[in-house]
PDB file of all heavy atoms in Angstrom:
ATOM      1  N   LYS A   1       5.192   3.525  -2.645  1.00  0.00           N
ATOM      2  CA  LYS A   1       6.292   3.019  -1.684  1.00  0.00           C
ATOM      3  C   LYS A   1       7.144   3.988  -1.199  1.00  0.00           C
ATOM      4  O   LYS A   1       7.639   4.130   0.069  1.00  0.00           O
ATOM      5  CB  LYS A   1       6.945   1.888  -2.518  1.00  0.00           C
ATOM      6  CG  LYS A   1       6.178   0.610  -2.790  1.00  0.00           C
ATOM      7  CD  LYS A   1       6.841  -0.396  -3.622  1.00  0.00           C
ATOM      8  CE  LYS A   1       8.060  -0.989  -2.936  1.00  0.00           C
ATOM      9  NZ  LYS A   1       8.603  -1.951  -3.856  1.00  0.00           N
ATOM     10  N   LYS A   2       7.576   4.953  -1.974  1.00  0.00           N
ATOM     11  CA  LYS A   2       8.308   6.111  -1.565  1.00  0.00           C
ATOM     12  C   LYS A   2       7.740   7.033  -0.464  1.00  0.00           C
ATOM     13  O   LYS A   2       8.305   7.318   0.544  1.00  0.00           O
ATOM     14  CB  LYS A   2       8.705   6.935  -2.794  1.00  0.00           C
ATOM     15  CG  LYS A   2       9.709   8.067  -2.437  1.00  0.00           C
ATOM     16  CD  LYS A   2      10.123   8.837  -3.936  1.00  0.00           C
ATOM     17  CE  LYS A   2      10.570  10.145  -3.581  1.00  0.00           C
ATOM     18  NZ  LYS A   2      10.797  10.753  -4.794  1.00  0.00           N
ATOM     19  N   LEU A   3       6.408   7.129  -0.621  1.00  0.00           N
ATOM     20  CA  LEU A   3       5.695   8.010   0.333  1.00  0.00           C
ATOM     21  C   LEU A   3       5.700   7.150   1.729  1.00  0.00           C
ATOM     22  O   LEU A   3       5.844   7.878   2.747  1.00  0.00           O
ATOM     23  CB  LEU A   3       4.243   8.091  -0.026  1.00  0.00           C
ATOM     24  CG  LEU A   3       4.081   9.329  -1.086  1.00  0.00           C
ATOM     25  CD1 LEU A   3       2.633   9.147  -1.732  1.00  0.00           C
ATOM     26  CD2 LEU A   3       4.273  10.712  -0.468  1.00  0.00           C
ATOM     27  N   LEU A   4       5.520   5.864   1.641  1.00  0.00           N
ATOM     28  CA  LEU A   4       5.510   5.167   2.917  1.00  0.00           C
ATOM     29  C   LEU A   4       6.827   5.225   3.605  1.00  0.00           C
ATOM     30  O   LEU A   4       6.939   5.163   4.817  1.00  0.00           O
ATOM     31  CB  LEU A   4       5.051   3.728   2.577  1.00  0.00           C
ATOM     32  CG  LEU A   4       3.508   3.527   2.226  1.00  0.00           C
ATOM     33  CD1 LEU A   4       3.149   2.140   1.703  1.00  0.00           C
ATOM     34  CD2 LEU A   4       2.624   3.980   3.332  1.00  0.00           C
ATOM     35  N   GLU A   5       7.927   5.003   2.754  1.00  0.00           N
ATOM     36  CA  GLU A   5       9.196   4.993   3.307  1.00  0.00           C
ATOM     37  C   GLU A   5       9.649   6.281   3.843  1.00  0.00           C
ATOM     38  O   GLU A   5      10.273   6.310   4.963  1.00  0.00           O
ATOM     39  CB  GLU A   5      10.282   4.562   2.167  1.00  0.00           C
ATOM     40  CG  GLU A   5      10.198   3.105   1.674  1.00  0.00           C
ATOM     41  CD  GLU A   5      10.966   2.851   0.521  1.00  0.00           C
ATOM     42  OE1 GLU A   5      11.638   3.743   0.089  1.00  0.00           O
ATOM     43  OE2 GLU A   5      10.788   1.792   0.009  1.00  0.00           O
ATOM     44  N   ASN A   6       9.325   7.375   3.317  1.00  0.00           N
ATOM     45  CA  ASN A   6       9.656   8.651   3.623  1.00  0.00           C
ATOM     46  C   ASN A   6       8.915   9.346   4.742  1.00  0.00           C
ATOM     47  O   ASN A   6       9.189  10.333   5.358  1.00  0.00           O
ATOM     48  CB  ASN A   6       9.951   9.706   2.452  1.00  0.00           C
ATOM     49  CG  ASN A   6      10.994   9.016   1.534  1.00  0.00           C
ATOM     50  OD1 ASN A   6      11.927   8.538   1.972  1.00  0.00           O
ATOM     51  ND2 ASN A   6      10.913   9.517   0.313  1.00  0.00           N
ATOM     52  N   ASN A   7       7.630   8.778   4.928  1.00  0.00           N
ATOM     53  CA  ASN A   7       6.715   9.379   5.782  1.00  0.00           C
ATOM     54  C   ASN A   7       5.980   8.165   6.531  1.00  0.00           C
ATOM     55  O   ASN A   7       4.803   8.026   6.342  1.00  0.00           O
ATOM     56  CB  ASN A   7       5.609  10.276   5.060  1.00  0.00           C
ATOM     57  CG  ASN A   7       6.113  11.310   4.131  1.00  0.00           C
ATOM     58  OD1 ASN A   7       6.722  12.322   4.697  1.00  0.00           O
ATOM     59  ND2 ASN A   7       6.403  11.044   2.867  1.00  0.00           N
ATOM     60  N   PRO A   8       6.801   7.515   7.530  1.00  0.00           N
ATOM     61  CA  PRO A   8       6.243   6.302   8.051  1.00  0.00           C
ATOM     62  C   PRO A   8       4.982   6.525   8.941  1.00  0.00           C
ATOM     63  O   PRO A   8       4.198   5.652   8.975  1.00  0.00           O
ATOM     64  CB  PRO A   8       7.370   5.855   8.961  1.00  0.00           C
ATOM     65  CG  PRO A   8       8.369   7.009   9.043  1.00  0.00           C
ATOM     66  CD  PRO A   8       8.057   7.919   7.864  1.00  0.00           C
ATOM     67  N   VAL A   9       4.890   7.753   9.467  1.00  0.00           N
ATOM     68  CA  VAL A   9       3.689   7.949  10.369  1.00  0.00           C
ATOM     69  C   VAL A   9       3.127   9.204   9.953  1.00  0.00           C
ATOM     70  O   VAL A   9       3.557  10.309  10.062  1.00  0.00           O
ATOM     71  CB  VAL A   9       4.076   8.172  11.861  1.00  0.00           C
ATOM     72  CG1 VAL A   9       2.839   8.354  12.679  1.00  0.00           C
ATOM     73  CG2 VAL A   9       4.737   6.722  12.291  1.00  0.00           C
ATOM     74  N   ASN A  10       1.718   9.162   9.541  1.00  0.00           N
ATOM     75  CA  ASN A  10       1.042  10.268   9.076  1.00  0.00           C
ATOM     76  C   ASN A  10      -0.360   9.880   8.923  1.00  0.00           C
ATOM     77  O   ASN A  10      -0.829   8.698   8.946  1.00  0.00           O
ATOM     78  CB  ASN A  10       1.572  11.115   7.883  1.00  0.00           C
ATOM     79  CG  ASN A  10       1.450  10.247   6.639  1.00  0.00           C
ATOM     80  OD1 ASN A  10       0.452   9.777   6.255  1.00  0.00           O
ATOM     81  ND2 ASN A  10       2.546  10.124   5.804  1.00  0.00           N
ATOM     82  N   ASP A  11      -1.244  10.947   8.903  1.00  0.00           N
ATOM     83  CA  ASP A  11      -2.723  10.672   8.789  1.00  0.00           C
ATOM     84  C   ASP A  11      -3.129  10.017   7.523  1.00  0.00           C
ATOM     85  O   ASP A  11      -4.111   9.360   7.430  1.00  0.00           O
ATOM     86  CB  ASP A  11      -3.492  11.922   8.887  1.00  0.00           C
ATOM     87  CG  ASP A  11      -3.282  12.572  10.257  1.00  0.00           C
ATOM     88  OD1 ASP A  11      -2.949  11.821  11.216  1.00  0.00           O
ATOM     89  OD2 ASP A  11      -3.561  13.675  10.370  1.00  0.00           O
ATOM     90  N   LEU A  12      -2.277  10.057   6.498  1.00  0.00           N
ATOM     91  CA  LEU A  12      -2.692   9.461   5.126  1.00  0.00           C
ATOM     92  C   LEU A  12      -2.184   8.045   4.905  1.00  0.00           C
ATOM     93  O   LEU A  12      -2.354   7.448   3.880  1.00  0.00           O
ATOM     94  CB  LEU A  12      -2.053  10.449   4.048  1.00  0.00           C
ATOM     95  CG  LEU A  12      -2.668  11.781   3.960  1.00  0.00           C
ATOM     96  CD1 LEU A  12      -1.771  12.673   2.988  1.00  0.00           C
ATOM     97  CD2 LEU A  12      -4.078  11.781   3.517  1.00  0.00           C
ATOM     98  N   ARG A  13      -1.481   7.530   5.826  1.00  0.00           N
ATOM     99  CA  ARG A  13      -1.002   6.197   5.742  1.00  0.00           C
ATOM    100  C   ARG A  13      -2.003   5.078   5.330  1.00  0.00           C
ATOM    101  O   ARG A  13      -1.597   4.404   4.335  1.00  0.00           O
ATOM    102  CB  ARG A  13      -0.142   5.704   7.005  1.00  0.00           C
ATOM    103  CG  ARG A  13       0.601   4.364   6.788  1.00  0.00           C
ATOM    104  CD  ARG A  13       1.595   4.106   7.839  1.00  0.00           C
ATOM    105  NE  ARG A  13       2.343   3.013   7.721  1.00  0.00           N
ATOM    106  CZ  ARG A  13       3.360   2.980   6.954  1.00  0.00           C
ATOM    107  NH1 ARG A  13       3.865   4.010   6.414  1.00  0.00           N
ATOM    108  NH2 ARG A  13       4.124   1.790   6.693  1.00  0.00           N
ATOM    109  N   GLY A  14      -3.104   5.151   5.905  1.00  0.00           N
ATOM    110  CA  GLY A  14      -4.160   4.234   5.464  1.00  0.00           C
ATOM    111  C   GLY A  14      -4.481   4.348   3.949  1.00  0.00           C
ATOM    112  O   GLY A  14      -4.672   3.339   3.308  1.00  0.00           O
ATOM    113  N   ARG A  15      -4.786   5.586   3.688  1.00  0.00           N
ATOM    114  CA  ARG A  15      -5.122   5.808   2.169  1.00  0.00           C
ATOM    115  C   ARG A  15      -3.961   5.487   1.286  1.00  0.00           C
ATOM    116  O   ARG A  15      -4.265   4.891   0.232  1.00  0.00           O
ATOM    117  CB  ARG A  15      -5.345   7.409   2.005  1.00  0.00           C
ATOM    118  CG  ARG A  15      -5.823   7.757   0.649  1.00  0.00           C
ATOM    119  CD  ARG A  15      -6.252   9.257   0.663  1.00  0.00           C
ATOM    120  NE  ARG A  15      -5.876   9.731  -0.816  1.00  0.00           N
ATOM    121  CZ  ARG A  15      -5.587  10.954  -1.002  1.00  0.00           C
ATOM    122  NH1 ARG A  15      -5.528  11.887  -0.154  1.00  0.00           N
ATOM    123  NH2 ARG A  15      -5.521  11.332  -2.279  1.00  0.00           N
ATOM    124  N   ILE A  16      -2.762   5.741   1.640  1.00  0.00           N
ATOM    125  CA  ILE A  16      -1.532   5.246   0.681  1.00  0.00           C
ATOM    126  C   ILE A  16      -1.478   3.824   0.661  1.00  0.00           C
ATOM    127  O   ILE A  16      -1.323   3.242  -0.432  1.00  0.00           O
ATOM    128  CB  ILE A  16      -0.290   5.893   1.277  1.00  0.00           C
ATOM    129  CG1 ILE A  16      -0.292   7.523   1.189  1.00  0.00           C
ATOM    130  CG2 ILE A  16       0.858   5.437   0.489  1.00  0.00           C
ATOM    131  CD1 ILE A  16       0.758   8.127   1.990  1.00  0.00           C
ATOM    132  N   LEU A  17      -1.644   3.130   1.819  1.00  0.00           N
ATOM    133  CA  LEU A  17      -1.621   1.717   1.784  1.00  0.00           C
ATOM    134  C   LEU A  17      -2.701   1.048   0.954  1.00  0.00           C
ATOM    135  O   LEU A  17      -2.552   0.163   0.109  1.00  0.00           O
ATOM    136  CB  LEU A  17      -1.710   1.111   3.196  1.00  0.00           C
ATOM    137  CG  LEU A  17      -0.418   1.254   4.041  1.00  0.00           C
ATOM    138  CD1 LEU A  17      -0.816   1.016   5.451  1.00  0.00           C
ATOM    139  CD2 LEU A  17       0.671   0.378   3.526  1.00  0.00           C
ATOM    140  N   ASN A  18      -3.978   1.616   1.068  1.00  0.00           N
ATOM    141  CA  ASN A  18      -5.046   1.130   0.198  1.00  0.00           C
ATOM    142  C   ASN A  18      -4.806   1.355  -1.289  1.00  0.00           C
ATOM    143  O   ASN A  18      -5.017   0.455  -2.128  1.00  0.00           O
ATOM    144  CB  ASN A  18      -6.391   1.868   0.610  1.00  0.00           C
ATOM    145  CG  ASN A  18      -7.549   1.330  -0.033  1.00  0.00           C
ATOM    146  OD1 ASN A  18      -7.905   0.228   0.090  1.00  0.00           O
ATOM    147  ND2 ASN A  18      -8.213   2.233  -0.919  1.00  0.00           N
ATOM    148  N   SER A  19      -4.285   2.491  -1.624  1.00  0.00           N
ATOM    149  CA  SER A  19      -3.980   2.727  -3.056  1.00  0.00           C
ATOM    150  C   SER A  19      -2.804   1.877  -3.593  1.00  0.00           C
ATOM    151  O   SER A  19      -2.916   1.206  -4.678  1.00  0.00           O
ATOM    152  CB  SER A  19      -3.691   4.275  -3.281  1.00  0.00           C
ATOM    153  OG  SER A  19      -4.676   5.035  -2.962  1.00  0.00           O
ATOM    154  N   LEU A  20      -1.778   1.556  -2.754  1.00  0.00           N
ATOM    155  CA  LEU A  20      -0.760   0.759  -3.173  1.00  0.00           C
ATOM    156  C   LEU A  20      -1.338  -0.661  -3.411  1.00  0.00           C
ATOM    157  O   LEU A  20      -0.915  -1.384  -4.327  1.00  0.00           O
ATOM    158  CB  LEU A  20       0.265   0.671  -2.018  1.00  0.00           C
ATOM    159  CG  LEU A  20       1.522  -0.230  -2.326  1.00  0.00           C
ATOM    160  CD1 LEU A  20       2.108   0.032  -3.521  1.00  0.00           C
ATOM    161  CD2 LEU A  20       2.419  -0.176  -1.036  1.00  0.00           C
ATOM    162  N   ALA A  21      -2.076  -1.227  -2.508  1.00  0.00           N
ATOM    163  CA  ALA A  21      -2.651  -2.496  -2.647  1.00  0.00           C
ATOM    164  C   ALA A  21      -3.627  -2.586  -3.953  1.00  0.00           C
ATOM    165  O   ALA A  21      -3.443  -3.604  -4.622  1.00  0.00           O
ATOM    166  CB  ALA A  21      -3.580  -2.909  -1.422  1.00  0.00           C
ATOM    167  N   ARG A  22      -4.330  -1.614  -4.212  1.00  0.00           N
ATOM    168  CA  ARG A  22      -5.098  -1.477  -5.423  1.00  0.00           C
ATOM    169  C   ARG A  22      -4.233  -1.633  -6.621  1.00  0.00           C
ATOM    170  O   ARG A  22      -4.542  -2.278  -7.580  1.00  0.00           O
ATOM    171  CB  ARG A  22      -6.027  -0.300  -5.443  1.00  0.00           C
ATOM    172  CG  ARG A  22      -7.209  -0.386  -4.421  1.00  0.00           C
ATOM    173  CD  ARG A  22      -8.005   0.876  -4.352  1.00  0.00           C
ATOM    174  NE  ARG A  22      -8.299   1.477  -5.783  1.00  0.00           N
ATOM    175  CZ  ARG A  22      -8.151   2.852  -5.975  1.00  0.00           C
ATOM    176  NH1 ARG A  22      -7.824   3.647  -5.090  1.00  0.00           N
ATOM    177  NH2 ARG A  22      -8.487   3.214  -7.162  1.00  0.00           N
ATOM    178  N   ALA A  23      -3.197  -0.827  -6.623  1.00  0.00           N
ATOM    179  CA  ALA A  23      -2.189  -0.960  -7.677  1.00  0.00           C
ATOM    180  C   ALA A  23      -1.577  -2.216  -8.008  1.00  0.00           C
ATOM    181  O   ALA A  23      -1.521  -2.817  -9.056  1.00  0.00           O
ATOM    182  CB  ALA A  23      -1.162   0.058  -7.496  1.00  0.00           C
ATOM    183  N   TYR A  24      -1.198  -2.909  -6.830  1.00  0.00           N
ATOM    184  CA  TYR A  24      -0.675  -4.256  -6.861  1.00  0.00           C
ATOM    185  C   TYR A  24      -1.793  -5.240  -7.464  1.00  0.00           C
ATOM    186  O   TYR A  24      -1.428  -6.232  -8.324  1.00  0.00           O
ATOM    187  CB  TYR A  24      -0.333  -4.826  -5.480  1.00  0.00           C
ATOM    188  CG  TYR A  24       1.054  -4.497  -5.162  1.00  0.00           C
ATOM    189  CD1 TYR A  24       1.338  -3.926  -3.817  1.00  0.00           C
ATOM    190  CD2 TYR A  24       2.161  -4.476  -5.904  1.00  0.00           C
ATOM    191  CE1 TYR A  24       2.742  -3.478  -3.344  1.00  0.00           C
ATOM    192  CE2 TYR A  24       3.433  -4.039  -5.638  1.00  0.00           C
ATOM    193  CZ  TYR A  24       3.677  -3.674  -4.289  1.00  0.00           C
ATOM    194  OH  TYR A  24       4.915  -3.237  -3.930  1.00  0.00           O
ATOM    195  N   GLU A  25      -2.996  -5.145  -7.082  1.00  0.00           N
ATOM    196  CA  GLU A  25      -4.076  -5.910  -7.569  1.00  0.00           C
ATOM    197  C   GLU A  25      -4.147  -5.765  -9.147  1.00  0.00           C
ATOM    198  O   GLU A  25      -4.251  -6.711  -9.898  1.00  0.00           O
ATOM    199  CB  GLU A  25      -5.396  -5.524  -7.022  1.00  0.00           C
ATOM    200  CG  GLU A  25      -5.709  -6.164  -5.614  1.00  0.00           C
ATOM    201  CD  GLU A  25      -7.080  -5.714  -5.082  1.00  0.00           C
ATOM    202  OE1 GLU A  25      -7.451  -4.592  -5.251  1.00  0.00           O
ATOM    203  OE2 GLU A  25      -7.647  -6.594  -4.369  1.00  0.00           O
ATOM    204  N   LYS A  26      -4.126  -4.501  -9.631  1.00  0.00           N
ATOM    205  CA  LYS A  26      -4.162  -4.182 -10.988  1.00  0.00           C
ATOM    206  C   LYS A  26      -3.007  -4.784 -11.859  1.00  0.00           C
ATOM    207  O   LYS A  26      -3.227  -5.126 -12.953  1.00  0.00           O
ATOM    208  CB  LYS A  26      -4.219  -2.654 -11.296  1.00  0.00           C
ATOM    209  CG  LYS A  26      -5.395  -2.039 -10.644  1.00  0.00           C
ATOM    210  CD  LYS A  26      -6.679  -2.518 -11.374  1.00  0.00           C
ATOM    211  CE  LYS A  26      -7.856  -1.582 -10.951  1.00  0.00           C
ATOM    212  NZ  LYS A  26      -9.149  -1.987 -11.484  1.00  0.00           N
ATOM    213  N   THR A  27      -1.888  -5.049 -11.150  1.00  0.00           N
ATOM    214  CA  THR A  27      -0.808  -5.567 -11.873  1.00  0.00           C
ATOM    215  C   THR A  27      -0.715  -7.125 -11.793  1.00  0.00           C
ATOM    216  O   THR A  27       0.172  -7.721 -12.291  1.00  0.00           O
ATOM    217  CB  THR A  27       0.597  -4.986 -11.337  1.00  0.00           C
ATOM    218  OG1 THR A  27       0.760  -5.355 -10.051  1.00  0.00           O
ATOM    219  CG2 THR A  27       0.671  -3.526 -11.687  1.00  0.00           C
ATOM    220  N   GLY A  28      -1.710  -7.690 -11.134  1.00  0.00           N
ATOM    221  CA  GLY A  28      -1.823  -9.010 -10.857  1.00  0.00           C
ATOM    222  C   GLY A  28      -0.944  -9.768  -9.720  1.00  0.00           C
ATOM    223  O   GLY A  28      -0.821 -10.871  -9.495  1.00  0.00           O
ATOM    224  N   GLU A  29      -0.328  -8.697  -8.947  1.00  0.00           N
ATOM    225  CA  GLU A  29       0.474  -9.137  -7.740  1.00  0.00           C
ATOM    226  C   GLU A  29      -0.395  -9.336  -6.574  1.00  0.00           C
ATOM    227  O   GLU A  29      -0.284  -8.524  -5.572  1.00  0.00           O
ATOM    228  CB  GLU A  29       1.655  -8.041  -7.551  1.00  0.00           C
ATOM    229  CG  GLU A  29       2.489  -7.970  -8.882  1.00  0.00           C
ATOM    230  CD  GLU A  29       3.516  -6.820  -8.657  1.00  0.00           C
ATOM    231  OE1 GLU A  29       4.705  -7.254  -7.887  1.00  0.00           O
ATOM    232  OE2 GLU A  29       3.381  -5.807  -9.084  1.00  0.00           O
ATOM    233  N   LYS A  30      -1.150 -10.336  -6.547  1.00  0.00           N
ATOM    234  CA  LYS A  30      -2.162 -10.549  -5.484  1.00  0.00           C
ATOM    235  C   LYS A  30      -1.522 -10.794  -4.159  1.00  0.00           C
ATOM    236  O   LYS A  30      -2.007 -10.399  -3.218  1.00  0.00           O
ATOM    237  CB  LYS A  30      -3.028 -11.754  -5.888  1.00  0.00           C
ATOM    238  CG  LYS A  30      -3.696 -11.677  -7.276  1.00  0.00           C
ATOM    239  CD  LYS A  30      -4.847 -10.531  -7.247  1.00  0.00           C
ATOM    240  CE  LYS A  30      -5.463 -10.609  -8.515  1.00  0.00           C
ATOM    241  NZ  LYS A  30      -6.301  -9.326  -8.812  1.00  0.00           N
ATOM    242  N   ASP A  31      -0.409 -11.517  -4.141  1.00  0.00           N
ATOM    243  CA  ASP A  31       0.323 -11.739  -2.852  1.00  0.00           C
ATOM    244  C   ASP A  31       0.755 -10.302  -2.232  1.00  0.00           C
ATOM    245  O   ASP A  31       0.631 -10.134  -0.961  1.00  0.00           O
ATOM    246  CB  ASP A  31       1.386 -12.635  -2.929  1.00  0.00           C
ATOM    247  CG  ASP A  31       1.020 -14.014  -3.161  1.00  0.00           C
ATOM    248  OD1 ASP A  31      -0.171 -14.352  -3.001  1.00  0.00           O
ATOM    249  OD2 ASP A  31       1.704 -14.899  -3.794  1.00  0.00           O
ATOM    250  N   LYS A  32       1.305  -9.530  -2.872  1.00  0.00           N
ATOM    251  CA  LYS A  32       1.742  -8.337  -2.474  1.00  0.00           C
ATOM    252  C   LYS A  32       0.596  -7.399  -1.981  1.00  0.00           C
ATOM    253  O   LYS A  32       0.663  -6.712  -1.017  1.00  0.00           O
ATOM    254  CB  LYS A  32       2.596  -7.496  -3.521  1.00  0.00           C
ATOM    255  CG  LYS A  32       3.906  -8.086  -3.827  1.00  0.00           C
ATOM    256  CD  LYS A  32       4.816  -7.300  -4.770  1.00  0.00           C
ATOM    257  CE  LYS A  32       6.120  -7.850  -4.968  1.00  0.00           C
ATOM    258  NZ  LYS A  32       6.958  -6.999  -5.911  1.00  0.00           N
ATOM    259  N   ALA A  33      -0.523  -7.554  -2.833  1.00  0.00           N
ATOM    260  CA  ALA A  33      -1.698  -6.717  -2.369  1.00  0.00           C
ATOM    261  C   ALA A  33      -2.311  -7.216  -1.185  1.00  0.00           C
ATOM    262  O   ALA A  33      -2.527  -6.375  -0.319  1.00  0.00           O
ATOM    263  CB  ALA A  33      -2.684  -6.873  -3.531  1.00  0.00           C
ATOM    264  N   ARG A  34      -2.301  -8.469  -0.926  1.00  0.00           N
ATOM    265  CA  ARG A  34      -2.764  -9.056   0.341  1.00  0.00           C
ATOM    266  C   ARG A  34      -1.862  -8.671   1.520  1.00  0.00           C
ATOM    267  O   ARG A  34      -2.417  -8.279   2.551  1.00  0.00           O
ATOM    268  CB  ARG A  34      -2.709 -10.584   0.169  1.00  0.00           C
ATOM    269  CG  ARG A  34      -3.877 -11.303   0.992  1.00  0.00           C
ATOM    270  CD  ARG A  34      -4.016 -12.802   0.699  1.00  0.00           C
ATOM    271  NE  ARG A  34      -4.628 -12.961  -0.641  1.00  0.00           N
ATOM    272  CZ  ARG A  34      -4.013 -13.560  -1.603  1.00  0.00           C
ATOM    273  NH1 ARG A  34      -2.675 -13.922  -1.592  1.00  0.00           N
ATOM    274  NH2 ARG A  34      -4.681 -13.773  -2.807  1.00  0.00           N
ATOM    275  N   GLU A  35      -0.594  -8.642   1.300  1.00  0.00           N
ATOM    276  CA  GLU A  35       0.379  -8.098   2.346  1.00  0.00           C
ATOM    277  C   GLU A  35       0.004  -6.646   2.781  1.00  0.00           C
ATOM    278  O   GLU A  35      -0.014  -6.347   4.003  1.00  0.00           O
ATOM    279  CB  GLU A  35       1.748  -8.249   2.083  1.00  0.00           C
ATOM    280  CG  GLU A  35       2.385  -9.647   1.935  1.00  0.00           C
ATOM    281  CD  GLU A  35       3.783  -9.531   1.334  1.00  0.00           C
ATOM    282  OE1 GLU A  35       4.536  -8.552   1.459  1.00  0.00           O
ATOM    283  OE2 GLU A  35       4.186 -10.568   0.671  1.00  0.00           O
ATOM    284  N   VAL A  36      -0.324  -5.879   1.866  1.00  0.00           N
ATOM    285  CA  VAL A  36      -0.501  -4.400   2.020  1.00  0.00           C
ATOM    286  C   VAL A  36      -1.819  -4.277   2.746  1.00  0.00           C
ATOM    287  O   VAL A  36      -2.018  -3.494   3.748  1.00  0.00           O
ATOM    288  CB  VAL A  36      -0.314  -3.632   0.831  1.00  0.00           C
ATOM    289  CG1 VAL A  36      -0.732  -2.117   1.087  1.00  0.00           C
ATOM    290  CG2 VAL A  36       1.042  -3.729   0.175  1.00  0.00           C
ATOM    291  N   TYR A  37      -2.862  -4.986   2.223  1.00  0.00           N
ATOM    292  CA  TYR A  37      -4.157  -4.956   2.919  1.00  0.00           C
ATOM    293  C   TYR A  37      -4.125  -5.315   4.291  1.00  0.00           C
ATOM    294  O   TYR A  37      -4.692  -4.906   5.210  1.00  0.00           O
ATOM    295  CB  TYR A  37      -5.120  -5.888   2.146  1.00  0.00           C
ATOM    296  CG  TYR A  37      -5.692  -5.181   0.885  1.00  0.00           C
ATOM    297  CD1 TYR A  37      -5.673  -5.849  -0.360  1.00  0.00           C
ATOM    298  CD2 TYR A  37      -6.227  -3.894   1.005  1.00  0.00           C
ATOM    299  CE1 TYR A  37      -6.321  -5.263  -1.536  1.00  0.00           C
ATOM    300  CE2 TYR A  37      -6.833  -3.321  -0.206  1.00  0.00           C
ATOM    301  CZ  TYR A  37      -6.805  -3.972  -1.395  1.00  0.00           C
ATOM    302  OH  TYR A  37      -7.352  -3.401  -2.475  1.00  0.00           O
ATOM    303  N   LYS A  38      -3.250  -6.360   4.585  1.00  0.00           N
ATOM    304  CA  LYS A  38      -3.015  -6.932   6.046  1.00  0.00           C
ATOM    305  C   LYS A  38      -2.450  -5.965   6.813  1.00  0.00           C
ATOM    306  O   LYS A  38      -2.866  -5.718   7.879  1.00  0.00           O
ATOM    307  CB  LYS A  38      -2.210  -8.205   5.976  1.00  0.00           C
ATOM    308  CG  LYS A  38      -2.008  -8.743   7.345  1.00  0.00           C
ATOM    309  CD  LYS A  38      -1.144 -10.148   7.195  1.00  0.00           C
ATOM    310  CE  LYS A  38      -1.098 -10.750   8.548  1.00  0.00           C
ATOM    311  NZ  LYS A  38      -0.271 -11.958   8.589  1.00  0.00           N
ATOM    312  N   GLU A  39      -1.441  -5.195   6.358  1.00  0.00           N
ATOM    313  CA  GLU A  39      -0.847  -4.021   7.208  1.00  0.00           C
ATOM    314  C   GLU A  39      -1.896  -2.895   7.446  1.00  0.00           C
ATOM    315  O   GLU A  39      -2.015  -2.510   8.535  1.00  0.00           O
ATOM    316  CB  GLU A  39       0.340  -3.384   6.331  1.00  0.00           C
ATOM    317  CG  GLU A  39       0.998  -2.399   7.219  1.00  0.00           C
ATOM    318  CD  GLU A  39       2.130  -1.732   6.471  1.00  0.00           C
ATOM    319  OE1 GLU A  39       2.683  -2.266   5.468  1.00  0.00           O
ATOM    320  OE2 GLU A  39       2.537  -0.559   6.952  1.00  0.00           O
TER     321      GLU A  39
END
């Protein structure tokens, strides 16, 4: 989340979003994961 806030536009944004969504899935936060996957 800090990476996304501090670096809003970069080549790694997709990779960061994917990893964030995976982490949310692992914690059972399916709705948050879905939001990130949607973005």
